[in-house]
Protein backbone atom coordinates (compact mmCIF):
# COMPACT_ATOMS: atom_id res chain seq x y z
CA UNK A 1 0.00 0.00 0.00
CA UNK A 2 1.16 3.47 -0.83
CA UNK A 3 0.57 6.43 1.43
CA UNK A 4 -0.21 9.90 0.11
CA UNK A 5 2.16 12.83 0.39
CA UNK A 6 1.32 16.48 -0.02
CA UNK A 7 2.58 16.15 -3.60
CA UNK A 8 -0.53 14.00 -4.23
CA UNK A 9 -2.91 16.55 -2.70
CA UNK A 10 -4.26 18.11 -5.92
CA UNK A 11 -4.97 14.73 -7.49
CA UNK A 12 -6.63 13.40 -4.34
CA UNK A 13 -8.70 16.52 -3.78
CA UNK A 14 -9.90 16.47 -7.38
CA UNK A 15 -11.33 12.96 -6.83
CA UNK A 16 -13.27 14.21 -3.82
CA UNK A 17 -14.47 17.24 -5.80
CA UNK A 18 -15.72 14.93 -8.57
CA UNK A 19 -17.64 13.04 -5.89
CA UNK A 20 -18.91 16.12 -4.02
CA UNK A 21 -22.43 14.69 -3.79
CA UNK A 22 -21.15 11.78 -1.69
CA UNK A 23 -18.40 13.70 0.14
CA UNK A 24 -19.70 17.27 0.63
CA UNK A 25 -17.86 17.56 3.94
CA UNK A 26 -14.29 17.02 2.67
CA UNK A 27 -12.29 20.23 3.07
CA UNK A 28 -8.76 21.02 2.00
CA UNK A 29 -7.46 21.60 5.55
CA UNK A 30 -8.87 18.25 6.72
CA UNK A 31 -7.35 16.42 3.77
CA UNK A 32 -3.92 18.05 4.19
CA UNK A 33 -3.97 17.29 7.92
CA UNK A 34 -4.79 13.62 7.27
CA UNK A 35 -2.03 13.36 4.66
CA UNK A 36 0.50 14.87 7.07
CA UNK A 37 -0.57 12.36 9.75
CA UNK A 38 0.05 9.50 7.29
CA UNK A 39 -3.63 8.52 7.42
CA UNK A 40 -4.26 8.59 3.67
CA UNK A 41 -3.64 5.52 1.56
CA UNK A 42 -3.40 6.48 -2.11
CA UNK A 43 -2.91 3.46 -4.30
CA UNK A 44 -4.20 2.43 -7.75
CA UNK A 45 -6.53 5.43 -7.88
CA UNK A 46 -8.11 4.56 -4.53
CA UNK A 47 -8.10 6.95 -1.58
CA UNK A 48 -8.69 5.46 1.86
CA UNK A 49 -8.57 7.77 4.88
CA UNK A 50 -8.11 5.93 8.14
CA UNK A 51 -7.56 6.65 11.78
CA UNK A 52 -7.37 5.23 15.27
CA UNK A 53 -9.48 6.54 18.12
CA UNK A 54 -7.34 8.27 20.75
CA UNK A 55 -10.05 7.90 23.42
CA UNK A 56 -13.34 6.10 23.99
CA UNK A 57 -15.85 7.36 21.41
CA UNK A 58 -19.65 7.15 21.26
CA UNK A 59 -21.04 6.80 17.74
CA UNK A 60 -24.81 6.74 17.62
CA UNK A 61 -25.84 3.82 19.81
CA UNK A 62 -22.36 2.23 19.90
CA UNK A 63 -19.25 2.79 22.01
CA UNK A 64 -15.72 2.18 20.75
CA UNK A 65 -12.63 2.00 22.91
CA UNK A 66 -9.37 3.88 22.51
CA UNK A 67 -7.29 2.16 19.85
CA UNK A 68 -10.22 1.16 17.62
CA UNK A 69 -9.46 1.57 13.92
CA UNK A 70 -11.78 3.68 11.79
CA UNK A 71 -12.20 4.19 8.07
CA UNK A 72 -13.26 7.78 7.47
CA UNK A 73 -13.59 7.67 3.68
CA UNK A 74 -12.83 5.41 0.75
CA UNK A 75 -13.27 6.44 -2.87
CA UNK A 76 -12.11 5.00 -6.17
CA UNK A 77 -11.24 7.46 -8.93
CA UNK A 78 -12.33 4.88 -11.50
CA UNK A 79 -15.52 3.10 -10.46
CA UNK A 80 -15.99 -0.59 -11.14
CA UNK A 81 -12.39 -1.65 -11.71
CA UNK A 82 -12.09 -3.64 -8.44
CA UNK A 83 -9.29 -1.53 -7.05
CA UNK A 84 -11.31 -0.30 -4.05
CA UNK A 85 -11.94 -3.90 -2.97
CA UNK A 86 -8.27 -4.76 -3.44
CA UNK A 87 -7.02 -1.77 -1.43
CA UNK A 88 -9.62 -2.27 1.30
CA UNK A 89 -8.66 -5.93 1.71
CA UNK A 90 -4.96 -5.05 1.76
CA UNK A 91 -5.65 -2.46 4.46
CA UNK A 92 -7.74 -4.89 6.53
CA UNK A 93 -4.95 -7.47 6.32
CA UNK A 94 -2.55 -5.04 8.01
CA UNK A 95 -4.74 -4.82 11.12
CA UNK A 96 -4.99 -7.06 14.15
CA UNK A 97 -8.31 -5.77 15.42
CA UNK A 98 -11.71 -4.57 14.33
CA UNK A 99 -12.48 -1.60 12.12
CA UNK A 100 -15.50 0.68 12.35
CA UNK A 101 -17.02 3.06 9.83
CA UNK A 102 -20.17 5.07 9.29
CA UNK A 103 -22.06 5.66 6.07
CA UNK A 104 -25.22 7.48 5.09
CA UNK A 105 -28.16 5.12 5.19
CA UNK A 106 -29.20 6.33 1.73
CA UNK A 107 -25.83 5.42 0.19
CA UNK A 108 -26.79 1.95 -1.02
CA UNK A 109 -23.72 1.61 -3.25
CA UNK A 110 -21.34 2.10 -0.30
CA UNK A 111 -23.42 -0.07 2.02
CA UNK A 112 -23.43 -2.93 -0.50
CA UNK A 113 -19.67 -2.53 -0.98
CA UNK A 114 -18.98 -2.77 2.76
CA UNK A 115 -21.32 -5.71 3.27
CA UNK A 116 -19.78 -7.52 0.29
CA UNK A 117 -16.40 -7.05 1.96
CA UNK A 118 -17.39 -8.54 5.31
CA UNK A 119 -18.60 -5.52 7.28
CA UNK A 120 -21.64 -6.04 9.50
CA UNK A 121 -24.17 -3.37 10.45
CA UNK A 122 -23.92 -2.86 14.20
CA UNK A 123 -25.68 0.40 14.87
CA UNK A 124 -27.32 3.59 13.74
CA UNK A 125 -26.18 7.20 13.80
CA UNK A 126 -27.65 10.57 12.83
CA UNK A 127 -25.98 13.78 11.67
CA UNK A 128 -27.13 17.37 11.16
CA UNK A 129 -29.63 17.42 14.03
CA UNK A 130 -31.09 14.05 13.02
CA UNK A 131 -31.73 15.16 9.41
CA UNK A 132 -29.20 12.70 7.93
CA UNK A 133 -29.57 9.04 8.90
CA UNK A 134 -26.55 6.79 8.99
CA UNK A 135 -25.44 3.24 9.61
CA UNK A 136 -22.48 2.02 11.67
CA UNK A 137 -20.51 -0.94 10.33
CA UNK A 138 -17.89 -3.08 12.07
CA UNK A 139 -15.39 -5.46 10.57
CA UNK A 140 -13.96 -7.96 13.02
CA UNK A 141 -10.90 -9.65 11.65
CA UNK A 142 -11.26 -13.41 11.90
CA UNK A 143 -8.69 -14.64 9.42
CA UNK A 144 -6.76 -13.24 6.52
CA UNK A 145 -9.04 -11.49 4.00
CA UNK A 146 -8.68 -12.85 0.47
C-alpha atoms as a PDB file:
ATOM      1  CA  UNK A   1       0.000   0.000   0.000  1.00  0.00           C
ATOM      2  CA  UNK A   2       1.163   3.471  -0.826  1.00  0.00           C
ATOM      3  CA  UNK A   3       0.571   6.435   1.433  1.00  0.00           C
ATOM      4  CA  UNK A   4      -0.208   9.896   0.111  1.00  0.00           C
ATOM      5  CA  UNK A   5       2.160  12.830   0.388  1.00  0.00           C
ATOM      6  CA  UNK A   6       1.324  16.484  -0.022  1.00  0.00           C
ATOM      7  CA  UNK A   7       2.580  16.152  -3.603  1.00  0.00           C
ATOM      8  CA  UNK A   8      -0.531  14.001  -4.231  1.00  0.00           C
ATOM      9  CA  UNK A   9      -2.910  16.545  -2.697  1.00  0.00           C
ATOM     10  CA  UNK A  10      -4.257  18.106  -5.917  1.00  0.00           C
ATOM     11  CA  UNK A  11      -4.973  14.727  -7.489  1.00  0.00           C
ATOM     12  CA  UNK A  12      -6.633  13.402  -4.337  1.00  0.00           C
ATOM     13  CA  UNK A  13      -8.696  16.523  -3.778  1.00  0.00           C
ATOM     14  CA  UNK A  14      -9.898  16.470  -7.384  1.00  0.00           C
ATOM     15  CA  UNK A  15     -11.328  12.963  -6.829  1.00  0.00           C
ATOM     16  CA  UNK A  16     -13.275  14.209  -3.821  1.00  0.00           C
ATOM     17  CA  UNK A  17     -14.473  17.241  -5.799  1.00  0.00           C
ATOM     18  CA  UNK A  18     -15.716  14.935  -8.567  1.00  0.00           C
ATOM     19  CA  UNK A  19     -17.642  13.040  -5.886  1.00  0.00           C
ATOM     20  CA  UNK A  20     -18.907  16.124  -4.021  1.00  0.00           C
ATOM     21  CA  UNK A  21     -22.427  14.693  -3.787  1.00  0.00           C
ATOM     22  CA  UNK A  22     -21.145  11.782  -1.687  1.00  0.00           C
ATOM     23  CA  UNK A  23     -18.401  13.703   0.145  1.00  0.00           C
ATOM     24  CA  UNK A  24     -19.704  17.267   0.631  1.00  0.00           C
ATOM     25  CA  UNK A  25     -17.864  17.559   3.942  1.00  0.00           C
ATOM     26  CA  UNK A  26     -14.292  17.019   2.673  1.00  0.00           C
ATOM     27  CA  UNK A  27     -12.295  20.235   3.075  1.00  0.00           C
ATOM     28  CA  UNK A  28      -8.758  21.024   1.995  1.00  0.00           C
ATOM     29  CA  UNK A  29      -7.462  21.605   5.551  1.00  0.00           C
ATOM     30  CA  UNK A  30      -8.872  18.252   6.721  1.00  0.00           C
ATOM     31  CA  UNK A  31      -7.349  16.421   3.767  1.00  0.00           C
ATOM     32  CA  UNK A  32      -3.922  18.048   4.191  1.00  0.00           C
ATOM     33  CA  UNK A  33      -3.969  17.292   7.918  1.00  0.00           C
ATOM     34  CA  UNK A  34      -4.787  13.619   7.270  1.00  0.00           C
ATOM     35  CA  UNK A  35      -2.028  13.356   4.655  1.00  0.00           C
ATOM     36  CA  UNK A  36       0.504  14.868   7.075  1.00  0.00           C
ATOM     37  CA  UNK A  37      -0.565  12.360   9.749  1.00  0.00           C
ATOM     38  CA  UNK A  38       0.055   9.504   7.285  1.00  0.00           C
ATOM     39  CA  UNK A  39      -3.627   8.522   7.423  1.00  0.00           C
ATOM     40  CA  UNK A  40      -4.262   8.593   3.666  1.00  0.00           C
ATOM     41  CA  UNK A  41      -3.641   5.524   1.557  1.00  0.00           C
ATOM     42  CA  UNK A  42      -3.400   6.485  -2.111  1.00  0.00           C
ATOM     43  CA  UNK A  43      -2.915   3.461  -4.298  1.00  0.00           C
ATOM     44  CA  UNK A  44      -4.196   2.429  -7.748  1.00  0.00           C
ATOM     45  CA  UNK A  45      -6.531   5.432  -7.884  1.00  0.00           C
ATOM     46  CA  UNK A  46      -8.110   4.561  -4.528  1.00  0.00           C
ATOM     47  CA  UNK A  47      -8.097   6.946  -1.582  1.00  0.00           C
ATOM     48  CA  UNK A  48      -8.687   5.456   1.865  1.00  0.00           C
ATOM     49  CA  UNK A  49      -8.570   7.768   4.876  1.00  0.00           C
ATOM     50  CA  UNK A  50      -8.111   5.926   8.136  1.00  0.00           C
ATOM     51  CA  UNK A  51      -7.564   6.655  11.780  1.00  0.00           C
ATOM     52  CA  UNK A  52      -7.371   5.233  15.269  1.00  0.00           C
ATOM     53  CA  UNK A  53      -9.480   6.538  18.125  1.00  0.00           C
ATOM     54  CA  UNK A  54      -7.335   8.271  20.747  1.00  0.00           C
ATOM     55  CA  UNK A  55     -10.047   7.901  23.416  1.00  0.00           C
ATOM     56  CA  UNK A  56     -13.342   6.104  23.986  1.00  0.00           C
ATOM     57  CA  UNK A  57     -15.854   7.362  21.407  1.00  0.00           C
ATOM     58  CA  UNK A  58     -19.650   7.154  21.264  1.00  0.00           C
ATOM     59  CA  UNK A  59     -21.039   6.797  17.744  1.00  0.00           C
ATOM     60  CA  UNK A  60     -24.807   6.735  17.623  1.00  0.00           C
ATOM     61  CA  UNK A  61     -25.836   3.822  19.808  1.00  0.00           C
ATOM     62  CA  UNK A  62     -22.363   2.229  19.900  1.00  0.00           C
ATOM     63  CA  UNK A  63     -19.252   2.794  22.012  1.00  0.00           C
ATOM     64  CA  UNK A  64     -15.717   2.182  20.748  1.00  0.00           C
ATOM     65  CA  UNK A  65     -12.635   2.004  22.913  1.00  0.00           C
ATOM     66  CA  UNK A  66      -9.374   3.878  22.512  1.00  0.00           C
ATOM     67  CA  UNK A  67      -7.293   2.161  19.846  1.00  0.00           C
ATOM     68  CA  UNK A  68     -10.224   1.156  17.620  1.00  0.00           C
ATOM     69  CA  UNK A  69      -9.459   1.565  13.918  1.00  0.00           C
ATOM     70  CA  UNK A  70     -11.785   3.678  11.793  1.00  0.00           C
ATOM     71  CA  UNK A  71     -12.203   4.193   8.074  1.00  0.00           C
ATOM     72  CA  UNK A  72     -13.263   7.780   7.472  1.00  0.00           C
ATOM     73  CA  UNK A  73     -13.591   7.668   3.676  1.00  0.00           C
ATOM     74  CA  UNK A  74     -12.832   5.414   0.750  1.00  0.00           C
ATOM     75  CA  UNK A  75     -13.272   6.441  -2.872  1.00  0.00           C
ATOM     76  CA  UNK A  76     -12.115   4.999  -6.169  1.00  0.00           C
ATOM     77  CA  UNK A  77     -11.239   7.464  -8.930  1.00  0.00           C
ATOM     78  CA  UNK A  78     -12.330   4.878 -11.497  1.00  0.00           C
ATOM     79  CA  UNK A  79     -15.516   3.102 -10.464  1.00  0.00           C
ATOM     80  CA  UNK A  80     -15.994  -0.588 -11.145  1.00  0.00           C
ATOM     81  CA  UNK A  81     -12.388  -1.652 -11.707  1.00  0.00           C
ATOM     82  CA  UNK A  82     -12.092  -3.643  -8.444  1.00  0.00           C
ATOM     83  CA  UNK A  83      -9.289  -1.528  -7.047  1.00  0.00           C
ATOM     84  CA  UNK A  84     -11.305  -0.301  -4.049  1.00  0.00           C
ATOM     85  CA  UNK A  85     -11.936  -3.897  -2.966  1.00  0.00           C
ATOM     86  CA  UNK A  86      -8.268  -4.755  -3.440  1.00  0.00           C
ATOM     87  CA  UNK A  87      -7.018  -1.767  -1.429  1.00  0.00           C
ATOM     88  CA  UNK A  88      -9.621  -2.275   1.303  1.00  0.00           C
ATOM     89  CA  UNK A  89      -8.657  -5.925   1.712  1.00  0.00           C
ATOM     90  CA  UNK A  90      -4.958  -5.047   1.762  1.00  0.00           C
ATOM     91  CA  UNK A  91      -5.650  -2.464   4.460  1.00  0.00           C
ATOM     92  CA  UNK A  92      -7.738  -4.887   6.528  1.00  0.00           C
ATOM     93  CA  UNK A  93      -4.952  -7.471   6.323  1.00  0.00           C
ATOM     94  CA  UNK A  94      -2.554  -5.037   8.013  1.00  0.00           C
ATOM     95  CA  UNK A  95      -4.743  -4.819  11.123  1.00  0.00           C
ATOM     96  CA  UNK A  96      -4.993  -7.064  14.148  1.00  0.00           C
ATOM     97  CA  UNK A  97      -8.312  -5.772  15.419  1.00  0.00           C
ATOM     98  CA  UNK A  98     -11.706  -4.573  14.326  1.00  0.00           C
ATOM     99  CA  UNK A  99     -12.485  -1.598  12.124  1.00  0.00           C
ATOM    100  CA  UNK A 100     -15.498   0.676  12.351  1.00  0.00           C
ATOM    101  CA  UNK A 101     -17.019   3.059   9.830  1.00  0.00           C
ATOM    102  CA  UNK A 102     -20.165   5.066   9.288  1.00  0.00           C
ATOM    103  CA  UNK A 103     -22.061   5.659   6.072  1.00  0.00           C
ATOM    104  CA  UNK A 104     -25.223   7.478   5.087  1.00  0.00           C
ATOM    105  CA  UNK A 105     -28.165   5.125   5.193  1.00  0.00           C
ATOM    106  CA  UNK A 106     -29.204   6.333   1.731  1.00  0.00           C
ATOM    107  CA  UNK A 107     -25.825   5.422   0.194  1.00  0.00           C
ATOM    108  CA  UNK A 108     -26.792   1.954  -1.021  1.00  0.00           C
ATOM    109  CA  UNK A 109     -23.721   1.610  -3.250  1.00  0.00           C
ATOM    110  CA  UNK A 110     -21.343   2.103  -0.300  1.00  0.00           C
ATOM    111  CA  UNK A 111     -23.417  -0.073   2.016  1.00  0.00           C
ATOM    112  CA  UNK A 112     -23.426  -2.933  -0.504  1.00  0.00           C
ATOM    113  CA  UNK A 113     -19.667  -2.528  -0.976  1.00  0.00           C
ATOM    114  CA  UNK A 114     -18.977  -2.767   2.756  1.00  0.00           C
ATOM    115  CA  UNK A 115     -21.315  -5.705   3.271  1.00  0.00           C
ATOM    116  CA  UNK A 116     -19.781  -7.525   0.289  1.00  0.00           C
ATOM    117  CA  UNK A 117     -16.401  -7.046   1.961  1.00  0.00           C
ATOM    118  CA  UNK A 118     -17.388  -8.537   5.315  1.00  0.00           C
ATOM    119  CA  UNK A 119     -18.603  -5.516   7.281  1.00  0.00           C
ATOM    120  CA  UNK A 120     -21.644  -6.039   9.500  1.00  0.00           C
ATOM    121  CA  UNK A 121     -24.173  -3.371  10.447  1.00  0.00           C
ATOM    122  CA  UNK A 122     -23.920  -2.861  14.200  1.00  0.00           C
ATOM    123  CA  UNK A 123     -25.682   0.401  14.871  1.00  0.00           C
ATOM    124  CA  UNK A 124     -27.324   3.589  13.738  1.00  0.00           C
ATOM    125  CA  UNK A 125     -26.183   7.196  13.796  1.00  0.00           C
ATOM    126  CA  UNK A 126     -27.655  10.572  12.831  1.00  0.00           C
ATOM    127  CA  UNK A 127     -25.976  13.775  11.670  1.00  0.00           C
ATOM    128  CA  UNK A 128     -27.132  17.373  11.165  1.00  0.00           C
ATOM    129  CA  UNK A 129     -29.632  17.422  14.030  1.00  0.00           C
ATOM    130  CA  UNK A 130     -31.090  14.049  13.017  1.00  0.00           C
ATOM    131  CA  UNK A 131     -31.725  15.161   9.407  1.00  0.00           C
ATOM    132  CA  UNK A 132     -29.202  12.698   7.933  1.00  0.00           C
ATOM    133  CA  UNK A 133     -29.568   9.039   8.899  1.00  0.00           C
ATOM    134  CA  UNK A 134     -26.549   6.794   8.988  1.00  0.00           C
ATOM    135  CA  UNK A 135     -25.441   3.236   9.613  1.00  0.00           C
ATOM    136  CA  UNK A 136     -22.484   2.018  11.666  1.00  0.00           C
ATOM    137  CA  UNK A 137     -20.507  -0.941  10.328  1.00  0.00           C
ATOM    138  CA  UNK A 138     -17.891  -3.076  12.067  1.00  0.00           C
ATOM    139  CA  UNK A 139     -15.387  -5.462  10.572  1.00  0.00           C
ATOM    140  CA  UNK A 140     -13.962  -7.956  13.016  1.00  0.00           C
ATOM    141  CA  UNK A 141     -10.897  -9.648  11.651  1.00  0.00           C
ATOM    142  CA  UNK A 142     -11.256 -13.406  11.897  1.00  0.00           C
ATOM    143  CA  UNK A 143      -8.692 -14.643   9.415  1.00  0.00           C
ATOM    144  CA  UNK A 144      -6.756 -13.242   6.516  1.00  0.00           C
ATOM    145  CA  UNK A 145      -9.040 -11.485   4.004  1.00  0.00           C
ATOM    146  CA  UNK A 146      -8.683 -12.852   0.469  1.00  0.00           C
END
